C-alpha atoms as a PDB file:
ATOM      1  CA  PHE A   1      -3.601 -12.638 -18.948  1.00  0.00           C
ATOM      2  CA  GLN A   2      -6.109 -10.091 -20.105  1.00  0.00           C
ATOM      3  CA  VAL A   3      -6.535  -7.589 -17.288  1.00  0.00           C
ATOM      4  CA  HIS A   4      -9.721  -5.659 -16.566  1.00  0.00           C
ATOM      5  CA  GLY A   5      -9.616  -2.841 -14.046  1.00  0.00           C
ATOM      6  CA  ILE A   6     -12.126  -0.567 -12.366  1.00  0.00           C
ATOM      7  CA  VAL A   7     -11.376   3.158 -12.356  1.00  0.00           C
ATOM      8  CA  ARG A   8     -13.387   5.913 -10.679  1.00  0.00           C
ATOM      9  CA  ARG A   9     -14.813   8.672 -12.861  1.00  0.00           C
ATOM     10  CA  SER A  10     -12.837  11.899 -12.559  1.00  0.00           C
ATOM     11  CA  SER A  11     -12.783  15.198 -14.429  1.00  0.00           C
ATOM     12  CA  SER A  12      -9.079  14.632 -15.073  1.00  0.00           C
ATOM     13  CA  PHE A  13      -7.256  11.446 -16.038  1.00  0.00           C
ATOM     14  CA  ASN A  14      -6.405   9.511 -12.868  1.00  0.00           C
ATOM     15  CA  THR A  15      -4.431   6.754 -14.566  1.00  0.00           C
ATOM     16  CA  GLY A  16      -0.982   8.327 -14.177  1.00  0.00           C
ATOM     17  CA  ARG A  17       0.571   5.352 -12.422  1.00  0.00           C
ATOM     18  CA  ILE A  18      -0.579   2.831 -15.063  1.00  0.00           C
ATOM     19  CA  GLU A  19      -0.107   4.862 -18.260  1.00  0.00           C
ATOM     20  CA  HIS A  20       2.649   2.491 -19.395  1.00  0.00           C
ATOM     21  CA  LEU A  21       0.150  -0.385 -19.526  1.00  0.00           C
ATOM     22  CA  TYR A  22      -1.822   1.177 -22.360  1.00  0.00           C
ATOM     23  CA  LYS A  23      -1.120  -0.068 -25.873  1.00  0.00           C
ATOM     24  CA  ASN A  24      -0.869   3.614 -26.813  1.00  0.00           C
ATOM     25  CA  PRO A  25      -0.340   5.738 -23.657  1.00  0.00           C
ATOM     26  CA  GLN A  26      -0.672   9.056 -25.524  1.00  0.00           C
ATOM     27  CA  ALA A  27      -4.110   8.168 -26.888  1.00  0.00           C
ATOM     28  CA  HIS A  28      -5.147   5.950 -23.947  1.00  0.00           C
ATOM     29  CA  ILE A  29      -5.747   3.081 -26.380  1.00  0.00           C
ATOM     30  CA  GLU A  30      -6.165  -0.182 -24.501  1.00  0.00           C
ATOM     31  CA  GLY A  31      -4.426  -3.467 -25.309  1.00  0.00           C
ATOM     32  CA  ASN A  32      -4.403  -6.336 -22.825  1.00  0.00           C
ATOM     33  CA  MET A  33      -5.635  -3.941 -20.150  1.00  0.00           C
ATOM     34  CA  LYS A  34      -9.224  -2.727 -20.310  1.00  0.00           C
ATOM     35  CA  LEU A  35     -10.583  -0.203 -17.814  1.00  0.00           C
ATOM     36  CA  HIS A  36     -14.226   0.081 -16.733  1.00  0.00           C
ATOM     37  CA  TYR A  37     -15.779   3.001 -14.896  1.00  0.00           C
ATOM     38  CA  GLY A  38     -17.001   1.842 -11.526  1.00  0.00           C
ATOM     39  CA  ASP A  39     -16.798   2.304  -7.769  1.00  0.00           C
ATOM     40  CA  LEU A  40     -16.688   0.087  -4.706  1.00  0.00           C
ATOM     41  CA  THR A  41     -19.573   2.106  -3.254  1.00  0.00           C
ATOM     42  CA  ASP A  42     -21.860   1.104  -6.163  1.00  0.00           C
ATOM     43  CA  SER A  43     -22.949  -2.535  -6.048  1.00  0.00           C
ATOM     44  CA  THR A  44     -24.934  -2.314  -9.309  1.00  0.00           C
ATOM     45  CA  CYS A  45     -21.909  -1.386 -11.381  1.00  0.00           C
ATOM     46  CA  LEU A  46     -19.827  -4.136  -9.735  1.00  0.00           C
ATOM     47  CA  VAL A  47     -22.412  -6.761 -10.665  1.00  0.00           C
ATOM     48  CA  LYS A  48     -22.585  -5.383 -14.210  1.00  0.00           C
ATOM     49  CA  ILE A  49     -18.812  -5.393 -14.721  1.00  0.00           C
ATOM     50  CA  ILE A  50     -18.219  -8.835 -13.189  1.00  0.00           C
ATOM     51  CA  ASN A  51     -21.099 -10.325 -15.186  1.00  0.00           C
ATOM     52  CA  GLU A  52     -19.708  -8.842 -18.403  1.00  0.00           C
ATOM     53  CA  VAL A  53     -16.059  -9.791 -17.837  1.00  0.00           C
ATOM     54  CA  LYS A  54     -16.592 -13.118 -16.053  1.00  0.00           C
ATOM     55  CA  PRO A  55     -13.078 -13.033 -14.582  1.00  0.00           C
ATOM     56  CA  SER A  56     -11.113 -16.065 -13.402  1.00  0.00           C
ATOM     57  CA  GLU A  57      -9.226 -14.042 -10.766  1.00  0.00           C
ATOM     58  CA  ILE A  58     -10.248 -10.906  -8.887  1.00  0.00           C
ATOM     59  CA  TYR A  59      -7.734  -8.806  -6.943  1.00  0.00           C
ATOM     60  CA  ASN A  60      -9.428  -6.296  -4.657  1.00  0.00           C
ATOM     61  CA  LEU A  61      -6.757  -3.603  -4.340  1.00  0.00           C
ATOM     62  CA  GLY A  62      -9.290  -0.774  -4.104  1.00  0.00           C
ATOM     63  CA  ALA A  63      -9.398   1.227  -0.880  1.00  0.00           C
ATOM     64  CA  GLN A  64      -9.155   4.563   0.816  1.00  0.00           C
ATOM     65  CA  SER A  65      -5.692   3.457   1.833  1.00  0.00           C
ATOM     66  CA  HIS A  66      -4.215   6.392   3.756  1.00  0.00           C
ATOM     67  CA  VAL A  67      -4.271   5.600   7.484  1.00  0.00           C
ATOM     68  CA  LYS A  68      -3.997   9.186   8.738  1.00  0.00           C
ATOM     69  CA  ILE A  69      -6.713  10.419   6.349  1.00  0.00           C
ATOM     70  CA  SER A  70      -9.023   7.606   7.488  1.00  0.00           C
ATOM     71  CA  PHE A  71      -9.486   9.485  10.785  1.00  0.00           C
ATOM     72  CA  ASP A  72     -10.917  12.410   8.800  1.00  0.00           C
ATOM     73  CA  LEU A  73     -12.874  10.261   6.317  1.00  0.00           C
ATOM     74  CA  ALA A  74     -13.921   7.488   8.686  1.00  0.00           C
ATOM     75  CA  GLU A  75     -17.368   6.771   7.240  1.00  0.00           C
ATOM     76  CA  TYR A  76     -16.140   6.814   3.637  1.00  0.00           C
ATOM     77  CA  THR A  77     -13.223   4.549   4.574  1.00  0.00           C
ATOM     78  CA  ALA A  78     -15.627   2.065   6.185  1.00  0.00           C
ATOM     79  CA  ASP A  79     -17.904   2.158   3.128  1.00  0.00           C
ATOM     80  CA  VAL A  80     -15.128   1.561   0.581  1.00  0.00           C
ATOM     81  CA  ASP A  81     -12.669  -0.621   2.483  1.00  0.00           C
ATOM     82  CA  GLY A  82     -15.152  -2.660   4.510  1.00  0.00           C
ATOM     83  CA  VAL A  83     -18.566  -2.770   2.828  1.00  0.00           C
ATOM     84  CA  GLY A  84     -16.915  -2.374  -0.598  1.00  0.00           C
ATOM     85  CA  THR A  85     -15.319  -5.782  -0.137  1.00  0.00           C
ATOM     86  CA  LEU A  86     -18.713  -7.265   0.742  1.00  0.00           C
ATOM     87  CA  ARG A  87     -20.201  -5.706  -2.420  1.00  0.00           C
ATOM     88  CA  LEU A  88     -17.540  -7.425  -4.543  1.00  0.00           C
ATOM     89  CA  LEU A  89     -18.101 -10.777  -2.872  1.00  0.00           C
ATOM     90  CA  ASP A  90     -21.865 -10.429  -3.224  1.00  0.00           C
ATOM     91  CA  ALA A  91     -21.412  -9.532  -6.903  1.00  0.00           C
ATOM     92  CA  ILE A  92     -19.477 -12.769  -7.453  1.00  0.00           C
ATOM     93  CA  LYS A  93     -22.309 -14.696  -5.792  1.00  0.00           C
ATOM     94  CA  THR A  94     -25.033 -12.815  -7.712  1.00  0.00           C
ATOM     95  CA  CYS A  95     -23.295 -13.550 -11.024  1.00  0.00           C
ATOM     96  CA  GLY A  96     -23.093 -17.263 -10.235  1.00  0.00           C
ATOM     97  CA  LEU A  97     -19.287 -17.331 -10.296  1.00  0.00           C
ATOM     98  CA  ILE A  98     -18.634 -18.749  -6.816  1.00  0.00           C
ATOM     99  CA  ASN A  99     -17.185 -21.963  -8.263  1.00  0.00           C
ATOM    100  CA  SER A 100     -15.085 -20.378 -11.003  1.00  0.00           C
ATOM    101  CA  VAL A 101     -13.533 -17.222  -9.491  1.00  0.00           C
ATOM    102  CA  LYS A 102     -10.496 -16.925  -7.236  1.00  0.00           C
ATOM    103  CA  PHE A 103     -10.622 -13.823  -5.027  1.00  0.00           C
ATOM    104  CA  TYR A 104      -7.702 -11.956  -3.476  1.00  0.00           C
ATOM    105  CA  GLN A 105      -8.334  -9.424  -0.703  1.00  0.00           C
ATOM    106  CA  ALA A 106      -5.666  -6.798  -0.008  1.00  0.00           C
ATOM    107  CA  SER A 107      -5.485  -7.106   3.734  1.00  0.00           C
ATOM    108  CA  THR A 108      -2.969  -5.142   5.809  1.00  0.00           C
ATOM    109  CA  SER A 109      -0.486  -5.193   8.656  1.00  0.00           C
ATOM    110  CA  GLU A 110      -2.527  -2.325  10.149  1.00  0.00           C
ATOM    111  CA  LEU A 111      -4.849  -5.079  11.420  1.00  0.00           C
ATOM    112  CA  PHE A 112      -2.209  -5.770  14.076  1.00  0.00           C
ATOM    113  CA  GLY A 113      -2.062  -2.096  15.160  1.00  0.00           C
ATOM    114  CA  LYS A 114      -1.249  -2.216  18.862  1.00  0.00           C
ATOM    115  CA  VAL A 115       0.770  -5.370  18.419  1.00  0.00           C
ATOM    116  CA  GLN A 116       0.067  -8.319  20.695  1.00  0.00           C
ATOM    117  CA  GLU A 117       3.245 -10.211  19.801  1.00  0.00           C
ATOM    118  CA  ILE A 118       6.486  -9.647  17.917  1.00  0.00           C
ATOM    119  CA  PRO A 119       6.838 -10.535  15.102  1.00  0.00           C
ATOM    120  CA  GLN A 120       3.284 -10.727  13.772  1.00  0.00           C
ATOM    121  CA  LYS A 121       2.108 -13.820  11.908  1.00  0.00           C
ATOM    122  CA  GLU A 122      -1.167 -15.298  10.672  1.00  0.00           C
ATOM    123  CA  THR A 123      -2.260 -16.354  14.173  1.00  0.00           C
ATOM    124  CA  THR A 124      -1.403 -13.062  15.930  1.00  0.00           C
ATOM    125  CA  PRO A 125      -4.506 -11.405  17.478  1.00  0.00           C
ATOM    126  CA  PHE A 126      -5.696  -8.258  15.689  1.00  0.00           C
ATOM    127  CA  TYR A 127      -5.877  -4.845  17.385  1.00  0.00           C
ATOM    128  CA  PRO A 128      -6.496  -2.140  14.729  1.00  0.00           C
ATOM    129  CA  ARG A 129      -5.750   1.457  15.715  1.00  0.00           C
ATOM    130  CA  SER A 130      -7.475   3.467  12.981  1.00  0.00           C
ATOM    131  CA  PRO A 131     -10.740   3.618  11.018  1.00  0.00           C
ATOM    132  CA  TYR A 132      -8.701   2.188   8.123  1.00  0.00           C
ATOM    133  CA  GLY A 133      -7.563  -0.783  10.199  1.00  0.00           C
ATOM    134  CA  ALA A 134     -11.061  -1.362  11.591  1.00  0.00           C
ATOM    135  CA  ALA A 135     -12.610  -1.289   8.101  1.00  0.00           C
ATOM    136  CA  LYS A 136      -9.990  -3.704   6.805  1.00  0.00           C
ATOM    137  CA  LEU A 137     -10.739  -5.983   9.768  1.00  0.00           C
ATOM    138  CA  TYR A 138     -14.370  -6.264   8.625  1.00  0.00           C
ATOM    139  CA  ALA A 139     -13.142  -6.998   5.091  1.00  0.00           C
ATOM    140  CA  TYR A 140     -10.800  -9.699   6.408  1.00  0.00           C
ATOM    141  CA  TRP A 141     -13.547 -11.522   8.270  1.00  0.00           C
ATOM    142  CA  ILE A 142     -16.186 -11.212   5.528  1.00  0.00           C
ATOM    143  CA  VAL A 143     -13.689 -12.857   3.147  1.00  0.00           C
ATOM    144  CA  VAL A 144     -13.201 -15.702   5.638  1.00  0.00           C
ATOM    145  CA  ASN A 145     -16.987 -15.970   5.983  1.00  0.00           C
ATOM    146  CA  PHE A 146     -17.591 -16.267   2.221  1.00  0.00           C
ATOM    147  CA  ARG A 147     -14.815 -18.859   2.008  1.00  0.00           C
ATOM    148  CA  GLU A 148     -16.382 -20.967   4.734  1.00  0.00           C
ATOM    149  CA  ALA A 149     -20.069 -20.347   3.915  1.00  0.00           C
ATOM    150  CA  TYR A 150     -19.966 -20.724   0.133  1.00  0.00           C
ATOM    151  CA  ASN A 151     -16.676 -22.539  -0.498  1.00  0.00           C
ATOM    152  CA  LEU A 152     -15.397 -19.559  -2.490  1.00  0.00           C
ATOM    153  CA  PHE A 153     -11.669 -19.608  -3.245  1.00  0.00           C
ATOM    154  CA  ALA A 154     -10.951 -16.398  -1.311  1.00  0.00           C
ATOM    155  CA  VAL A 155      -7.737 -15.381   0.445  1.00  0.00           C
ATOM    156  CA  ASN A 156      -6.471 -12.503   2.560  1.00  0.00           C
ATOM    157  CA  GLY A 157      -2.960 -11.290   1.848  1.00  0.00           C
ATOM    158  CA  ILE A 158      -1.856  -9.609   5.086  1.00  0.00           C
ATOM    159  CA  LEU A 159       0.770  -7.468   3.432  1.00  0.00           C
ATOM    160  CA  PHE A 160       3.151  -5.314   5.426  1.00  0.00           C
ATOM    161  CA  ASN A 161       4.200  -1.942   3.989  1.00  0.00           C
ATOM    162  CA  HIS A 162       5.184  -2.273   0.344  1.00  0.00           C
ATOM    163  CA  GLU A 163       6.669   0.663  -1.529  1.00  0.00           C
ATOM    164  CA  SER A 164       7.903   1.665  -4.972  1.00  0.00           C
ATOM    165  CA  PRO A 165       8.328   4.811  -7.101  1.00  0.00           C
ATOM    166  CA  ARG A 166       4.587   4.509  -7.875  1.00  0.00           C
ATOM    167  CA  ARG A 167       3.597   5.031  -4.231  1.00  0.00           C
ATOM    168  CA  GLY A 168       1.157   7.931  -3.722  1.00  0.00           C
ATOM    169  CA  ALA A 169       2.834  11.270  -3.043  1.00  0.00           C
ATOM    170  CA  ASN A 170       1.229  11.776   0.381  1.00  0.00           C
ATOM    171  CA  PHE A 171       2.544   8.518   1.865  1.00  0.00           C
ATOM    172  CA  VAL A 172       5.552   9.018   4.107  1.00  0.00           C
ATOM    173  CA  THR A 173       8.092   7.041   2.065  1.00  0.00           C
ATOM    174  CA  ARG A 174       7.229   8.805  -1.182  1.00  0.00           C
ATOM    175  CA  LYS A 175       7.024  12.151   0.595  1.00  0.00           C
ATOM    176  CA  ILE A 176      10.593  11.589   1.765  1.00  0.00           C
ATOM    177  CA  SER A 177      11.946  10.449  -1.615  1.00  0.00           C
ATOM    178  CA  ARG A 178      10.197  13.308  -3.474  1.00  0.00           C
ATOM    179  CA  SER A 179      11.398  15.932  -0.996  1.00  0.00           C
ATOM    180  CA  VAL A 180      14.975  14.630  -0.970  1.00  0.00           C
ATOM    181  CA  ALA A 181      14.958  14.684  -4.783  1.00  0.00           C
ATOM    182  CA  LYS A 182      13.725  18.289  -4.801  1.00  0.00           C
ATOM    183  CA  ILE A 183      16.378  19.310  -2.251  1.00  0.00           C
ATOM    184  CA  HIS A 184      19.038  17.613  -4.378  1.00  0.00           C
ATOM    185  CA  LEU A 185      17.890  19.590  -7.430  1.00  0.00           C
ATOM    186  CA  GLY A 186      17.654  22.888  -5.527  1.00  0.00           C
ATOM    187  CA  GLN A 187      13.854  23.018  -5.808  1.00  0.00           C
ATOM    188  CA  LEU A 188      13.177  22.751  -2.042  1.00  0.00           C
ATOM    189  CA  ASP A 189      14.960  23.541   1.206  1.00  0.00           C
ATOM    190  CA  CYS A 190      12.956  21.796   3.922  1.00  0.00           C
ATOM    191  CA  PHE A 191      10.001  19.474   4.524  1.00  0.00           C
ATOM    192  CA  SER A 192       7.980  18.305   7.548  1.00  0.00           C
ATOM    193  CA  LEU A 193       7.175  14.836   8.865  1.00  0.00           C
ATOM    194  CA  GLY A 194       5.262  13.353  11.803  1.00  0.00           C
ATOM    195  CA  ASN A 195       6.454  10.506  14.028  1.00  0.00           C
ATOM    196  CA  LEU A 196      10.105   9.913  13.103  1.00  0.00           C
ATOM    197  CA  ASP A 197      10.379   6.913  15.398  1.00  0.00           C
ATOM    198  CA  ALA A 198       7.511   4.843  13.909  1.00  0.00           C
ATOM    199  CA  LYS A 199       9.040   1.540  12.803  1.00  0.00           C
ATOM    200  CA  ARG A 200       7.824  -0.452   9.828  1.00  0.00           C
ATOM    201  CA  ASP A 201       8.599  -3.614   7.896  1.00  0.00           C
ATOM    202  CA  TRP A 202       9.138  -2.135   4.429  1.00  0.00           C
ATOM    203  CA  GLY A 203       9.368  -4.214   1.255  1.00  0.00           C
ATOM    204  CA  HIS A 204       9.110  -3.621  -2.490  1.00  0.00           C
ATOM    205  CA  ALA A 205       5.665  -3.699  -4.104  1.00  0.00           C
ATOM    206  CA  ARG A 206       7.005  -5.747  -7.027  1.00  0.00           C
ATOM    207  CA  ASP A 207       7.912  -8.618  -4.694  1.00  0.00           C
ATOM    208  CA  TYR A 208       4.603  -8.400  -2.858  1.00  0.00           C
ATOM    209  CA  VAL A 209       2.456  -8.450  -6.004  1.00  0.00           C
ATOM    210  CA  GLU A 210       4.179 -11.693  -6.966  1.00  0.00           C
ATOM    211  CA  ALA A 211       3.081 -13.075  -3.581  1.00  0.00           C
ATOM    212  CA  MET A 212      -0.516 -11.995  -4.281  1.00  0.00           C
ATOM    213  CA  TRP A 213      -0.493 -13.937  -7.536  1.00  0.00           C
ATOM    214  CA  LEU A 214       1.087 -16.999  -5.907  1.00  0.00           C
ATOM    215  CA  MET A 215      -1.708 -17.111  -3.308  1.00  0.00           C
ATOM    216  CA  LEU A 216      -4.273 -17.628  -6.081  1.00  0.00           C
ATOM    217  CA  GLN A 217      -2.230 -20.393  -7.735  1.00  0.00           C
ATOM    218  CA  THR A 218      -2.451 -22.755  -4.742  1.00  0.00           C
ATOM    219  CA  ASP A 219      -4.818 -25.710  -4.487  1.00  0.00           C
ATOM    220  CA  GLU A 220      -6.512 -24.558  -1.279  1.00  0.00           C
ATOM    221  CA  PRO A 221      -7.309 -20.965  -0.226  1.00  0.00           C
ATOM    222  CA  GLU A 222      -5.337 -19.759   2.793  1.00  0.00           C
ATOM    223  CA  ASP A 223      -4.411 -16.409   4.336  1.00  0.00           C
ATOM    224  CA  PHE A 224      -0.763 -15.334   4.319  1.00  0.00           C
ATOM    225  CA  VAL A 225       1.417 -12.709   5.977  1.00  0.00           C
ATOM    226  CA  ILE A 226       3.810 -11.138   3.461  1.00  0.00           C
ATOM    227  CA  ALA A 227       6.755  -9.249   4.949  1.00  0.00           C
ATOM    228  CA  THR A 228      10.549  -8.946   4.961  1.00  0.00           C
ATOM    229  CA  GLY A 229      11.040  -9.521   8.686  1.00  0.00           C
ATOM    230  CA  GLU A 230      13.218  -6.386   8.868  1.00  0.00           C
ATOM    231  CA  VAL A 231      12.213  -3.241  10.741  1.00  0.00           C
ATOM    232  CA  HIS A 232      13.347   0.314   9.971  1.00  0.00           C
ATOM    233  CA  SER A 233      12.222   3.674  11.360  1.00  0.00           C
ATOM    234  CA  VAL A 234      10.984   6.693   9.432  1.00  0.00           C
ATOM    235  CA  ARG A 235      14.125   8.413  10.723  1.00  0.00           C
ATOM    236  CA  GLU A 236      16.292   5.754   9.099  1.00  0.00           C
ATOM    237  CA  PHE A 237      14.422   6.096   5.794  1.00  0.00           C
ATOM    238  CA  VAL A 238      15.204   9.824   5.888  1.00  0.00           C
ATOM    239  CA  GLU A 239      18.883   9.259   6.676  1.00  0.00           C
ATOM    240  CA  LYS A 240      19.406   6.701   3.925  1.00  0.00           C
ATOM    241  CA  SER A 241      17.564   8.845   1.358  1.00  0.00           C
ATOM    242  CA  PHE A 242      19.794  11.830   2.066  1.00  0.00           C
ATOM    243  CA  LYS A 243      22.909   9.652   2.173  1.00  0.00           C
ATOM    244  CA  HIS A 244      22.126   8.540  -1.383  1.00  0.00           C
ATOM    245  CA  ILE A 245      22.438  12.162  -2.583  1.00  0.00           C
ATOM    246  CA  GLY A 246      25.597  12.751  -0.548  1.00  0.00           C
ATOM    247  CA  LYS A 247      24.136  14.471   2.516  1.00  0.00           C
ATOM    248  CA  THR A 248      24.493  13.421   6.157  1.00  0.00           C
ATOM    249  CA  ILE A 249      21.543  14.253   8.405  1.00  0.00           C
ATOM    250  CA  VAL A 250      22.256  15.095  12.047  1.00  0.00           C
ATOM    251  CA  TRP A 251      19.288  15.240  14.437  1.00  0.00           C
ATOM    252  CA  GLU A 252      18.937  18.064  16.958  1.00  0.00           C
ATOM    253  CA  GLY A 253      16.247  18.805  19.584  1.00  0.00           C
ATOM    254  CA  LYS A 254      13.430  16.630  20.871  1.00  0.00           C
ATOM    255  CA  ASN A 255       9.825  15.785  20.002  1.00  0.00           C
ATOM    256  CA  GLU A 256       8.146  18.546  17.952  1.00  0.00           C
ATOM    257  CA  ASN A 257      11.248  20.714  18.179  1.00  0.00           C
ATOM    258  CA  GLU A 258      13.465  18.102  16.555  1.00  0.00           C
ATOM    259  CA  VAL A 259      15.097  18.995  13.254  1.00  0.00           C
ATOM    260  CA  GLY A 260      17.280  17.205  10.730  1.00  0.00           C
ATOM    261  CA  ARG A 261      20.296  19.320   9.791  1.00  0.00           C
ATOM    262  CA  CYS A 262      22.710  18.666   6.927  1.00  0.00           C
ATOM    263  CA  LYS A 263      26.156  18.033   8.415  1.00  0.00           C
ATOM    264  CA  GLU A 264      27.905  19.275   5.282  1.00  0.00           C
ATOM    265  CA  THR A 265      26.039  22.585   4.796  1.00  0.00           C
ATOM    266  CA  GLY A 266      24.436  23.294   8.173  1.00  0.00           C
ATOM    267  CA  LYS A 267      21.003  23.712   6.529  1.00  0.00           C
ATOM    268  CA  ILE A 268      17.873  22.352   8.208  1.00  0.00           C
ATOM    269  CA  HIS A 269      16.142  20.011   5.779  1.00  0.00           C
ATOM    270  CA  VAL A 270      13.643  18.189   8.038  1.00  0.00           C
ATOM    271  CA  THR A 271      11.237  19.456  10.716  1.00  0.00           C
ATOM    272  CA  VAL A 272       8.514  17.774  12.771  1.00  0.00           C
ATOM    273  CA  ASN A 273       4.867  18.859  12.565  1.00  0.00           C
ATOM    274  CA  HIS A 274       2.287  17.480  14.971  1.00  0.00           C
ATOM    275  CA  LYS A 275      -0.446  17.611  12.299  1.00  0.00           C
ATOM    276  CA  TYR A 276       1.095  14.528  10.707  1.00  0.00           C
ATOM    277  CA  TYR A 277       0.691  12.441  13.882  1.00  0.00           C
ATOM    278  CA  ARG A 278      -2.194   9.976  14.135  1.00  0.00           C
ATOM    279  CA  PRO A 279      -4.674  10.215  17.061  1.00  0.00           C
ATOM    280  CA  THR A 280      -3.744   6.614  17.885  1.00  0.00           C
ATOM    281  CA  GLU A 281      -0.284   5.633  16.695  1.00  0.00           C
ATOM    282  CA  VAL A 282       1.015   2.289  15.467  1.00  0.00           C
ATOM    283  CA  ASP A 283       4.585   2.294  16.724  1.00  0.00           C
ATOM    284  CA  PHE A 284       6.027  -1.021  15.567  1.00  0.00           C
ATOM    285  CA  LEU A 285       5.182  -3.567  12.861  1.00  0.00           C
ATOM    286  CA  GLN A 286       7.322  -6.585  11.998  1.00  0.00           C
ATOM    287  CA  GLY A 287       6.059  -9.488   9.942  1.00  0.00           C
ATOM    288  CA  ASP A 288       6.860 -13.199  10.037  1.00  0.00           C
ATOM    289  CA  CYS A 289       6.372 -14.669   6.558  1.00  0.00           C
ATOM    290  CA  THR A 290       7.514 -18.204   7.429  1.00  0.00           C
ATOM    291  CA  LYS A 291       4.241 -19.680   6.130  1.00  0.00           C
ATOM    292  CA  ALA A 292       4.612 -17.919   2.755  1.00  0.00           C
ATOM    293  CA  ARG A 293       8.224 -19.067   2.468  1.00  0.00           C
ATOM    294  CA  GLN A 294       7.236 -22.669   3.123  1.00  0.00           C
ATOM    295  CA  LYS A 295       3.937 -22.949   1.242  1.00  0.00           C
ATOM    296  CA  LEU A 296       4.369 -20.423  -1.585  1.00  0.00           C
ATOM    297  CA  ASN A 297       8.154 -20.688  -1.925  1.00  0.00           C
ATOM    298  CA  TRP A 298       8.136 -16.885  -1.732  1.00  0.00           C
ATOM    299  CA  LYS A 299      10.771 -14.574  -0.342  1.00  0.00           C
ATOM    300  CA  PRO A 300      11.523 -10.859  -0.782  1.00  0.00           C
ATOM    301  CA  ARG A 301      14.249 -10.038  -3.276  1.00  0.00           C
ATOM    302  CA  VAL A 302      14.675  -6.248  -2.987  1.00  0.00           C
ATOM    303  CA  THR A 303      16.560  -5.031   0.090  1.00  0.00           C
ATOM    304  CA  PHE A 304      15.627  -1.958   2.111  1.00  0.00           C
ATOM    305  CA  ASP A 305      18.671  -0.031   0.856  1.00  0.00           C
ATOM    306  CA  GLU A 306      17.882  -0.921  -2.763  1.00  0.00           C
ATOM    307  CA  LEU A 307      14.278   0.202  -2.281  1.00  0.00           C
ATOM    308  CA  VAL A 308      15.323   3.596  -0.890  1.00  0.00           C
ATOM    309  CA  ARG A 309      17.824   4.173  -3.688  1.00  0.00           C
ATOM    310  CA  GLU A 310      15.313   3.207  -6.388  1.00  0.00           C
ATOM    311  CA  MET A 311      12.664   5.575  -5.015  1.00  0.00           C
ATOM    312  CA  VAL A 312      15.065   8.526  -4.672  1.00  0.00           C
ATOM    313  CA  ASP A 313      16.569   7.961  -8.132  1.00  0.00           C
ATOM    314  CA  ALA A 314      13.108   7.745  -9.712  1.00  0.00           C
ATOM    315  CA  ASP A 315      11.997  10.997  -8.059  1.00  0.00           C
ATOM    316  CA  VAL A 316      15.208  12.810  -9.013  1.00  0.00           C
ATOM    317  CA  GLU A 317      14.499  11.877 -12.623  1.00  0.00           C
ATOM    318  CA  LEU A 318      10.829  12.840 -12.304  1.00  0.00           C
ATOM    319  CA  MET A 319      11.514  16.205 -10.664  1.00  0.00           C
ATOM    320  CA  ARG A 320      14.300  17.040 -13.068  1.00  0.00           C
ATOM    321  CA  ASN A 321      11.937  16.627 -16.008  1.00  0.00           C
ATOM    322  CA  ASN A 322       8.837  18.028 -14.299  1.00  0.00           C
ATOM    323  CA  PRO A 323       9.462  20.060 -11.121  1.00  0.00           C
ATOM    324  CA  ASN A 324       5.722  20.477 -10.513  1.00  0.00           C
ATOM    325  CA  ALA A 325       4.960  16.738 -10.648  1.00  0.00           C
END
């Protein structure tokens, strides 16, 4: 594969999580990866890039993807996550590539929001609970529409939470692994979280990206739920992260007064702050990936415990070498 990507213009380099893909990372010299300046809010540039590259596969992974922040940036989230998907699809049509391009849309378990059945599968009714979820719902249906109206090979991957050491620093899993690493290295004493009892179906991004690719290798375009089928709470993610560095967290108090105290030292390492709560919460997500197992021969390989350990270890190494990272 030769990979072309779209990157937003910034005054500083914003390619930190893909530096290793450059032929020469120090000089930002490209090899099999070529980056183009563009934006999902600019249809002209999307047409220009797609017409120039003439891709065989397009993966739309671009989004304002932070659910909590989508309440503060609701219009922008709708523009990028919802209408941005339409702009990409229209660009494919404008460039005359409907019959030659396969299109993957990064859909989300947040579509299920206030869940209507447990576990959630492809036929579960949607009930989004955030501007992010609502925008992604539009994107989901516009993909289905282009598939049915123009016979475009277009699929929605309804992916449940997928994590890795490359996860953004303000997402809860990475916030936990970074903070635990800093506490382990003596760089931090305490950090704050929101809803400790939110439960999620967490998998490893590496496994889920394989599923994305598999969806575009099938003969007929279909939508798939990708998940592990296991559910763990934010609280459990905290406990396992600390356990990996030899600390046992004991919970004291209730609601906003709850704290996580280290059993071995007596120090409080975790507090609860209401500012991290969402106006409308998604309490429980659990995916059923039976269809993907049967039709794609896909299954998750990385366990929850392995994921937590990998993220903590990676952040310990990162913080040891660069405490301000």
